[in-house]
Amino acid sequence: MDYYDGYTRAGAITLSYIDLYTMNLIGNYEPNFKSIYENSKWVLENGKIDGTPFLEINTT
């Protein structure tokens, strides 16, 4: 489950859904959004399995 529908919050996100460009733009108008941008950037930069070009998969 990787969505938020107003009632349920996901515990995971598909990495290809992370749009850093747009998150950064939103952060220019909503300062609280900067932490979401930074956390998302960290996830993208650290989502690889060490020593491989592969991304970690969460099957829950």
Protein backbone atom coordinates (compact mmCIF):
# COMPACT_ATOMS: atom_id res chain seq x y z
CA MET A 1 0.00 0.00 0.00
CA ASP A 2 1.61 3.28 -1.06
CA TYR A 3 -1.06 5.92 -1.00
CA TYR A 4 -2.79 8.40 1.27
CA ASP A 5 -6.53 8.76 0.74
CA GLY A 6 -7.35 11.14 3.58
CA TYR A 7 -8.06 8.26 5.96
CA THR A 8 -5.27 5.75 5.55
CA ARG A 9 -1.56 6.57 5.48
CA ALA A 10 0.82 4.19 3.72
CA GLY A 11 3.93 2.82 5.35
CA ALA A 12 5.82 2.61 2.05
CA ILE A 13 6.13 4.44 -1.26
CA THR A 14 7.12 3.36 -4.74
CA LEU A 15 10.39 5.20 -5.40
CA SER A 16 9.34 6.23 -8.90
CA TYR A 17 6.42 8.19 -7.37
CA ILE A 18 8.77 10.59 -5.57
CA ASP A 19 8.85 13.89 -7.51
CA LEU A 20 11.67 15.91 -5.95
CA TYR A 21 11.34 18.76 -8.43
CA THR A 22 7.70 19.41 -7.52
CA MET A 23 8.31 18.87 -3.80
CA ASN A 24 11.05 21.49 -3.90
CA LEU A 25 8.74 23.96 -5.66
CA ILE A 26 6.00 23.39 -3.07
CA GLY A 27 8.60 23.93 -0.35
CA ASN A 28 9.21 27.45 -1.70
CA TYR A 29 5.63 28.35 -0.79
CA GLU A 30 5.06 26.05 2.18
CA PRO A 31 8.16 25.97 4.42
CA ASN A 32 6.90 22.93 6.36
CA PHE A 33 7.12 20.93 3.13
CA LYS A 34 10.93 21.29 3.01
CA SER A 35 11.30 18.44 5.52
CA ILE A 36 9.17 16.19 3.27
CA TYR A 37 11.45 17.08 0.37
CA GLU A 38 14.59 16.34 2.41
CA ASN A 39 13.23 13.02 3.69
CA SER A 40 12.18 11.99 0.18
CA LYS A 41 15.58 12.92 -1.21
CA TRP A 42 17.24 10.80 1.47
CA VAL A 43 15.02 7.83 0.60
CA LEU A 44 15.96 8.10 -3.09
CA GLU A 45 19.66 8.45 -2.36
CA ASN A 46 19.71 5.57 0.13
CA GLY A 47 17.17 3.16 -1.39
CA LYS A 48 19.80 1.05 -3.16
CA ILE A 49 21.01 -2.31 -1.94
CA ASP A 50 24.69 -1.86 -1.06
CA GLY A 51 27.10 -3.00 -3.76
CA THR A 52 24.41 -3.37 -6.43
CA PRO A 53 22.52 -1.14 -8.86
CA PHE A 54 19.25 -2.57 -7.51
CA LEU A 55 16.66 -0.88 -5.34
CA GLU A 56 15.28 -2.51 -2.23
CA ILE A 57 11.76 -3.90 -2.57
CA ASN A 58 9.19 -3.76 0.19
CA THR A 59 6.50 -6.38 -0.41
CA THR A 60 4.24 -5.47 2.53
